Protein backbone atom coordinates (compact mmCIF):
# COMPACT_ATOMS: atom_id res chain seq x y z
CA MET A 1 9.64 -32.00 -54.32
CA THR A 2 13.37 -31.64 -53.01
CA VAL A 3 14.54 -33.38 -49.87
CA LYS A 4 14.83 -30.79 -47.56
CA GLU A 5 10.59 -30.29 -48.75
CA GLU A 6 10.10 -34.15 -48.16
CA THR A 7 11.91 -33.04 -44.75
CA GLN A 8 9.47 -30.10 -44.31
CA ALA A 9 6.35 -32.63 -44.93
CA LEU A 10 7.75 -35.19 -42.88
CA GLU A 11 8.23 -32.62 -39.60
CA LYS A 12 4.26 -31.49 -40.54
CA LYS A 13 2.79 -35.24 -40.58
CA ILE A 14 4.96 -36.06 -37.18
CA LEU A 15 6.06 -33.56 -35.03
CA SER A 16 3.78 -31.87 -32.36
CA PRO A 17 2.05 -28.93 -33.08
CA TYR A 18 3.82 -27.27 -30.61
CA ALA A 19 7.34 -27.92 -32.46
CA ALA A 20 8.91 -25.33 -34.55
CA LEU A 21 8.70 -26.29 -37.98
CA ALA A 22 11.61 -25.62 -40.43
CA GLU A 23 9.54 -24.27 -42.91
CA ASN A 24 7.94 -21.82 -40.30
CA SER A 25 11.50 -20.03 -39.08
CA ARG A 26 11.46 -16.48 -39.15
CA GLY A 27 14.54 -16.85 -41.26
CA ARG A 28 17.95 -15.14 -41.31
CA GLU A 29 19.11 -11.65 -40.77
CA THR A 30 20.17 -11.55 -44.08
CA PRO A 31 18.31 -13.48 -46.73
CA GLU A 32 20.16 -16.35 -48.89
CA GLU A 33 19.17 -19.18 -51.17
CA GLU A 34 18.05 -21.91 -49.47
CA CYS A 35 19.74 -25.55 -49.62
CA SER A 36 17.93 -27.95 -51.61
CA LEU A 37 18.98 -30.90 -49.42
CA ARG A 38 18.87 -29.43 -45.89
CA THR A 39 16.15 -27.51 -43.53
CA VAL A 40 17.08 -24.09 -42.59
CA TYR A 41 17.93 -25.85 -38.77
CA GLN A 42 20.09 -28.20 -40.19
CA ARG A 43 22.22 -25.92 -41.81
CA ASP A 44 22.00 -23.79 -38.37
CA ARG A 45 23.34 -26.85 -36.96
CA ASP A 46 26.53 -27.96 -39.55
CA ARG A 47 27.11 -24.15 -39.51
CA ILE A 48 28.36 -24.26 -35.72
CA ILE A 49 30.06 -27.86 -36.08
CA HIS A 50 32.51 -26.45 -38.68
CA CYS A 51 32.97 -22.89 -37.13
CA LYS A 52 36.22 -22.55 -35.04
CA SER A 53 34.42 -21.27 -31.96
CA PHE A 54 33.40 -24.90 -32.20
CA ARG A 55 36.88 -26.61 -32.22
CA ARG A 56 38.46 -24.22 -29.54
CA LEU A 57 35.79 -25.62 -27.08
CA LYS A 58 38.02 -29.05 -27.03
CA HIS A 59 40.53 -26.55 -25.00
CA LYS A 60 38.27 -24.72 -22.45
CA THR A 61 37.79 -25.55 -18.84
CA GLN A 62 33.99 -26.92 -17.96
CA VAL A 63 35.12 -27.33 -14.11
CA PHE A 64 38.29 -28.06 -13.57
CA LEU A 65 40.87 -26.04 -14.79
CA SER A 66 43.98 -27.46 -16.51
CA PRO A 67 42.98 -31.19 -15.40
CA GLU A 68 46.04 -34.03 -15.55
CA GLY A 69 43.96 -36.70 -16.97
CA ASP A 70 42.32 -37.39 -20.11
CA HIS A 71 38.55 -38.27 -19.29
CA TYR A 72 37.50 -34.68 -17.65
CA ARG A 73 34.94 -32.79 -19.18
CA THR A 74 35.87 -29.93 -21.45
CA ARG A 75 33.30 -26.95 -22.81
CA LEU A 76 33.52 -28.89 -25.98
CA THR A 77 32.35 -33.06 -24.52
CA HIS A 78 29.70 -31.00 -21.79
CA THR A 79 28.27 -29.71 -25.20
CA LEU A 80 28.31 -33.18 -26.83
CA GLU A 81 26.35 -34.13 -23.70
CA VAL A 82 23.62 -31.49 -23.60
CA SER A 83 23.40 -32.51 -27.43
CA GLN A 84 22.56 -36.01 -26.43
CA ILE A 85 20.06 -35.10 -23.14
CA ALA A 86 18.26 -32.72 -24.85
CA ARG A 87 17.84 -34.62 -28.50
CA THR A 88 16.68 -37.47 -26.43
CA ILE A 89 14.03 -35.39 -24.79
CA ALA A 90 13.12 -33.46 -28.02
CA ARG A 91 12.61 -36.43 -29.97
CA ALA A 92 10.22 -38.22 -27.05
CA LEU A 93 7.82 -34.67 -27.01
CA ARG A 94 8.27 -34.94 -30.47
CA LEU A 95 9.49 -31.24 -31.32
CA ASN A 96 12.14 -30.72 -33.45
CA GLU A 97 15.50 -32.40 -32.88
CA ASP A 98 17.33 -30.80 -35.29
CA LEU A 99 16.67 -27.00 -34.15
CA THR A 100 17.55 -28.80 -30.45
CA GLU A 101 20.74 -29.41 -31.45
CA ALA A 102 21.40 -26.36 -32.99
CA ILE A 103 20.83 -24.62 -30.18
CA SER A 104 22.85 -27.51 -28.09
CA LEU A 105 25.90 -27.15 -30.18
CA GLY A 106 25.99 -23.58 -30.23
CA HIS A 107 25.35 -22.33 -26.49
CA ASP A 108 28.56 -22.11 -25.35
CA LEU A 109 30.29 -20.75 -28.23
CA GLY A 110 30.78 -17.55 -26.38
CA HIS A 111 32.20 -18.77 -23.29
CA THR A 112 35.87 -17.79 -21.71
CA PRO A 113 39.13 -19.63 -20.72
CA PHE A 114 39.08 -21.03 -17.10
CA GLY A 115 35.12 -21.85 -17.29
CA HIS A 116 33.60 -19.70 -14.96
CA ALA A 117 36.49 -18.19 -13.26
CA GLY A 118 36.95 -16.96 -16.72
CA GLU A 119 33.52 -14.95 -16.88
CA HIS A 120 34.03 -13.23 -13.93
CA ALA A 121 36.63 -11.66 -14.30
CA LEU A 122 35.77 -10.21 -17.72
CA ASP A 123 32.66 -9.33 -15.76
CA GLU A 124 35.14 -7.35 -13.67
CA ILE A 125 36.79 -5.80 -16.27
CA PHE A 126 34.67 -5.44 -19.00
CA PRO A 127 32.71 -2.17 -18.74
CA GLY A 128 28.67 -2.98 -18.99
CA GLY A 129 29.65 -6.49 -17.62
CA PHE A 130 30.24 -10.04 -19.75
CA ARG A 131 28.05 -13.07 -19.82
CA HIS A 132 28.81 -16.01 -21.91
CA TYR A 133 25.37 -16.67 -23.26
CA GLU A 134 25.35 -13.23 -24.94
CA GLN A 135 29.36 -13.37 -26.40
CA SER A 136 27.95 -16.54 -27.50
CA VAL A 137 25.13 -14.60 -29.61
CA ARG A 138 27.96 -11.98 -30.42
CA VAL A 139 29.83 -14.99 -31.51
CA VAL A 140 27.97 -16.23 -34.36
CA GLU A 141 26.31 -12.87 -35.16
CA LYS A 142 29.51 -11.13 -35.42
CA LEU A 143 32.94 -12.98 -35.01
CA GLU A 144 32.82 -16.05 -36.94
CA LYS A 145 34.35 -15.95 -40.62
CA GLY A 146 35.96 -12.98 -40.50
CA GLY A 147 33.46 -10.67 -38.84
CA LYS A 148 30.61 -11.89 -41.27
CA GLY A 149 28.77 -14.19 -38.28
CA LEU A 150 27.10 -17.65 -39.08
CA ASN A 151 23.90 -16.51 -40.43
CA LEU A 152 21.57 -18.52 -38.22
CA THR A 153 18.02 -18.42 -37.75
CA PHE A 154 16.09 -16.65 -35.69
CA GLU A 155 15.34 -19.13 -33.42
CA VAL A 156 18.84 -20.99 -32.91
CA ARG A 157 20.19 -17.39 -32.01
CA ASN A 158 17.15 -16.91 -29.57
CA GLY A 159 17.73 -20.59 -28.30
CA ILE A 160 21.85 -20.08 -27.39
CA ALA A 161 20.59 -16.22 -26.02
CA CYS A 162 17.95 -17.98 -23.50
CA HIS A 163 19.90 -21.03 -22.34
CA THR A 164 21.04 -20.72 -18.85
CA ILE A 165 18.83 -17.88 -16.91
CA GLY A 166 16.81 -14.98 -17.13
CA LYS A 167 14.15 -14.65 -20.33
CA GLU A 168 13.18 -18.43 -21.33
CA ALA A 169 13.38 -18.93 -25.26
CA CYS A 170 10.82 -18.54 -27.29
CA THR A 171 10.52 -22.05 -28.57
CA ALA A 172 9.92 -25.46 -26.78
CA GLU A 173 13.11 -26.58 -28.22
CA GLY A 174 15.32 -23.55 -26.64
CA ARG A 175 13.83 -24.66 -23.25
CA ILE A 176 14.72 -28.04 -23.62
CA VAL A 177 18.07 -27.24 -24.38
CA ARG A 178 18.43 -25.30 -20.98
CA LEU A 179 16.58 -27.80 -18.97
CA ALA A 180 19.31 -30.50 -20.39
CA ASP A 181 22.53 -28.02 -19.96
CA ARG A 182 21.61 -28.49 -16.20
CA ILE A 183 21.23 -31.91 -16.16
CA ALA A 184 24.24 -32.48 -17.98
CA TYR A 185 26.63 -30.11 -16.09
CA ILE A 186 25.38 -31.15 -12.29
CA ASN A 187 25.77 -34.70 -13.17
CA HIS A 188 28.79 -35.01 -15.00
CA ASP A 189 30.54 -32.44 -12.47
CA ILE A 190 29.51 -35.47 -9.86
CA ASP A 191 31.57 -37.36 -12.19
CA ASP A 192 34.66 -35.50 -12.43
CA ALA A 193 34.84 -34.24 -8.68
CA GLU A 194 34.77 -37.89 -8.15
CA ARG A 195 37.71 -38.69 -10.35
CA ALA A 196 39.88 -35.74 -8.73
CA GLY A 197 38.70 -36.80 -5.42
CA VAL A 198 36.92 -33.93 -4.33
CA LEU A 199 33.77 -36.10 -3.41
CA TYR A 200 32.67 -39.56 -3.65
CA GLU A 201 29.15 -40.79 -4.57
CA ARG A 202 28.97 -41.99 -1.31
CA ASP A 203 28.77 -38.51 0.34
CA ILE A 204 25.84 -37.19 -1.79
CA PRO A 205 23.17 -37.35 0.89
CA LYS A 206 21.16 -40.51 0.64
CA ASN A 207 16.89 -38.50 0.42
CA ILE A 208 18.84 -37.44 -3.06
CA THR A 209 20.08 -40.78 -4.31
CA ASP A 210 16.89 -42.91 -3.26
CA VAL A 211 14.65 -41.11 -5.77
CA LEU A 212 17.52 -40.01 -8.44
CA GLY A 213 19.64 -42.61 -8.48
CA SER A 214 23.23 -43.85 -7.10
CA SER A 215 24.81 -43.42 -10.64
CA LYS A 216 25.49 -40.72 -13.24
CA SER A 217 23.50 -42.90 -15.50
CA LYS A 218 20.54 -43.89 -13.31
CA ARG A 219 19.98 -39.96 -12.23
CA ILE A 220 19.99 -38.76 -15.90
CA ASP A 221 18.24 -41.61 -16.87
CA THR A 222 15.33 -40.62 -13.78
CA LEU A 223 15.09 -36.64 -14.79
CA VAL A 224 15.05 -37.42 -18.40
CA HIS A 225 11.73 -39.56 -17.83
CA SER A 226 10.57 -36.97 -15.26
CA VAL A 227 10.28 -34.57 -17.91
CA VAL A 228 9.23 -36.36 -20.77
CA GLU A 229 6.53 -37.39 -18.07
CA ASN A 230 5.11 -34.88 -16.94
CA SER A 231 5.55 -32.15 -20.01
CA GLY A 232 2.79 -31.36 -22.65
CA ARG A 233 1.26 -28.73 -24.70
CA GLY A 234 4.75 -27.16 -25.56
CA LYS A 235 5.52 -26.81 -21.80
CA LEU A 236 8.76 -28.35 -19.92
CA ALA A 237 8.01 -29.84 -16.36
CA MET A 238 9.87 -32.34 -13.31
CA ALA A 239 7.51 -34.06 -11.09
CA PRO A 240 7.50 -32.02 -8.47
CA GLU A 241 9.42 -34.53 -5.88
CA ILE A 242 12.15 -35.14 -8.32
CA ASN A 243 12.67 -31.40 -9.09
CA GLY A 244 12.69 -31.04 -5.57
CA VAL A 245 15.40 -33.20 -5.05
CA PHE A 246 17.31 -32.27 -8.04
CA GLU A 247 17.61 -28.60 -6.82
CA GLU A 248 18.62 -30.16 -3.62
CA LEU A 249 21.62 -31.76 -5.58
CA ALA A 250 22.35 -28.65 -7.30
CA GLY A 251 22.25 -27.00 -3.38
CA PHE A 252 25.00 -29.68 -2.52
CA MET A 253 26.83 -29.05 -5.96
CA ASP A 254 27.40 -25.60 -5.20
CA GLU A 255 28.86 -26.15 -1.72
CA HIS A 256 30.81 -29.20 -1.88
CA VAL A 257 32.35 -28.61 -5.70
CA TYR A 258 31.88 -25.67 -7.25
CA HIS A 259 32.84 -23.33 -4.13
CA ASN A 260 34.91 -26.08 -2.50
CA PRO A 261 38.69 -24.62 -1.50
CA GLN A 262 40.69 -27.46 -3.25
CA ALA A 263 38.58 -27.94 -6.76
CA LYS A 264 39.15 -23.84 -7.31
CA SER A 265 42.75 -23.49 -6.09
CA GLU A 266 43.99 -22.48 -9.39
CA GLU A 267 41.11 -20.25 -9.72
CA THR A 268 43.03 -17.74 -7.71
CA LYS A 269 45.39 -17.10 -10.73
CA VAL A 270 42.89 -16.74 -12.88
CA PRO A 271 41.22 -13.28 -12.10
CA GLY A 272 45.28 -11.45 -11.98
CA LEU A 273 46.01 -13.54 -15.38
CA ILE A 274 42.72 -12.38 -17.56
CA GLU A 275 43.06 -8.64 -15.96
CA ALA A 276 46.97 -8.87 -17.50
CA LEU A 277 45.98 -9.97 -20.38
CA PHE A 278 43.38 -7.15 -21.48
CA GLU A 279 45.39 -4.63 -20.17
CA TYR A 280 47.87 -5.33 -22.62
CA LEU A 281 45.57 -6.25 -25.60
CA VAL A 282 43.47 -3.34 -25.10
CA LYS A 283 45.68 -1.40 -26.74
CA PRO A 284 45.54 -1.22 -31.04
CA GLU A 285 49.51 -2.12 -31.67
CA HIS A 286 48.97 -4.96 -29.67
CA MET A 287 45.93 -7.06 -31.34
CA PRO A 288 45.72 -8.61 -34.26
CA PRO A 289 44.75 -7.31 -37.52
CA ASP A 290 40.95 -9.00 -37.32
CA MET A 291 40.49 -7.77 -33.54
CA ARG A 292 41.31 -4.06 -35.15
CA MET A 293 38.85 -4.02 -37.59
CA ILE A 294 36.21 -4.81 -34.66
CA ALA A 295 38.18 -2.01 -32.29
CA GLU A 296 37.52 0.71 -35.35
CA LYS A 297 33.56 -0.47 -35.27
CA ASP A 298 32.85 -1.33 -31.33
CA GLY A 299 35.98 0.29 -29.44
CA ASN A 300 39.13 -1.14 -28.16
CA GLU A 301 37.90 -2.52 -24.90
CA ARG A 302 35.12 -4.82 -27.22
CA ALA A 303 38.35 -6.05 -29.36
CA ALA A 304 40.02 -7.14 -26.18
CA CYS A 305 36.96 -8.78 -24.03
CA ASP A 306 36.32 -10.39 -27.85
CA PHE A 307 39.60 -11.80 -28.35
CA ILE A 308 40.42 -13.08 -24.36
CA ALA A 309 37.02 -14.82 -24.39
CA GLY A 310 37.58 -16.48 -27.73
CA MET A 311 40.98 -18.15 -26.36
CA THR A 312 41.57 -21.43 -24.79
CA ASP A 313 43.15 -22.35 -21.29
CA HIS A 314 46.41 -22.81 -22.93
CA TYR A 315 46.59 -19.92 -25.29
CA ALA A 316 45.71 -17.57 -22.97
CA VAL A 317 48.58 -18.95 -20.61
CA GLN A 318 51.16 -19.49 -23.48
CA LEU A 319 50.31 -15.73 -24.37
CA PHE A 320 50.76 -14.82 -21.39
CA GLU A 321 54.07 -15.92 -20.53
CA LYS A 322 55.04 -14.83 -24.09
CA ILE A 323 54.10 -10.68 -23.00
CA TYR A 324 55.17 -11.31 -18.94
CA VAL A 325 57.48 -13.66 -18.08
CA PRO A 326 60.95 -13.28 -18.52
CA LYS A 327 62.33 -15.75 -21.70
CA ALA A 328 66.38 -17.14 -20.62
CA TRP A 329 69.15 -15.53 -22.26
CA LYS A 330 70.83 -18.00 -24.92
CA LEU A 331 74.60 -18.24 -24.53
């Protein structure tokens, strides 16, 4: 037996009947030779980690735009926190940890610069609208590796596509990532908001902290334990009381952070910047060569949207300045 075959045999022995076994994967759009060491989900995880879109996440905003400080979350650190929470749940429920990790690491590859402000701006401009989860799938299917894509398995692509709203993933592992994403961002956004002076732990209503805990780690621990203790047969759930209070916390964050004028003051500049870049880049002569290839197949607007969505915050600002801000005359 190869190492991969031994791993697959071990999966059959120790994982839940509701786990997505690697050997039962619906496979890739383009068949390819199997690896003798890694299962298909392990290969998907590795492909995501090594792709360019994953590296760019370290310079993309999570909540606070261009924060001055080294400890604010970025889209990359958020992704890693989601992966950690999701893997903990998957392991406790004896589901496929490799599949869970691959979906977690790839779920935000298509996110725009400037967080959800950038997503909303592109949604207003691009015909047909823009949704980051759909863009994440487009990244792994069509944009990475010079247009070849990463050729990921169906289960990973499905989990990425279904990680936020709408239809649920077809695997329990994908549904874990959807829940872990929410647990992660709500709790780490509290931490970042406190660092920014937007709110403090003591501002969270006592009825919430009494149930979930009065620190980030305690809240995550409470929520994860509740998921593990109340899930089974491939279904995920929290205790009703825990879930209800968690929804209260989400509403509290929506009011005090996600729509807080102090926290979001810089976001008013984002739509104008994104629109100006789009108007410039939609012209083929202004596109880089790889985007022109996309324009020939999918149209200029699609290519401009893809290019902007892939930018980091820093690159988007630098490109805007290069295009629109006059340079000083050198004597």
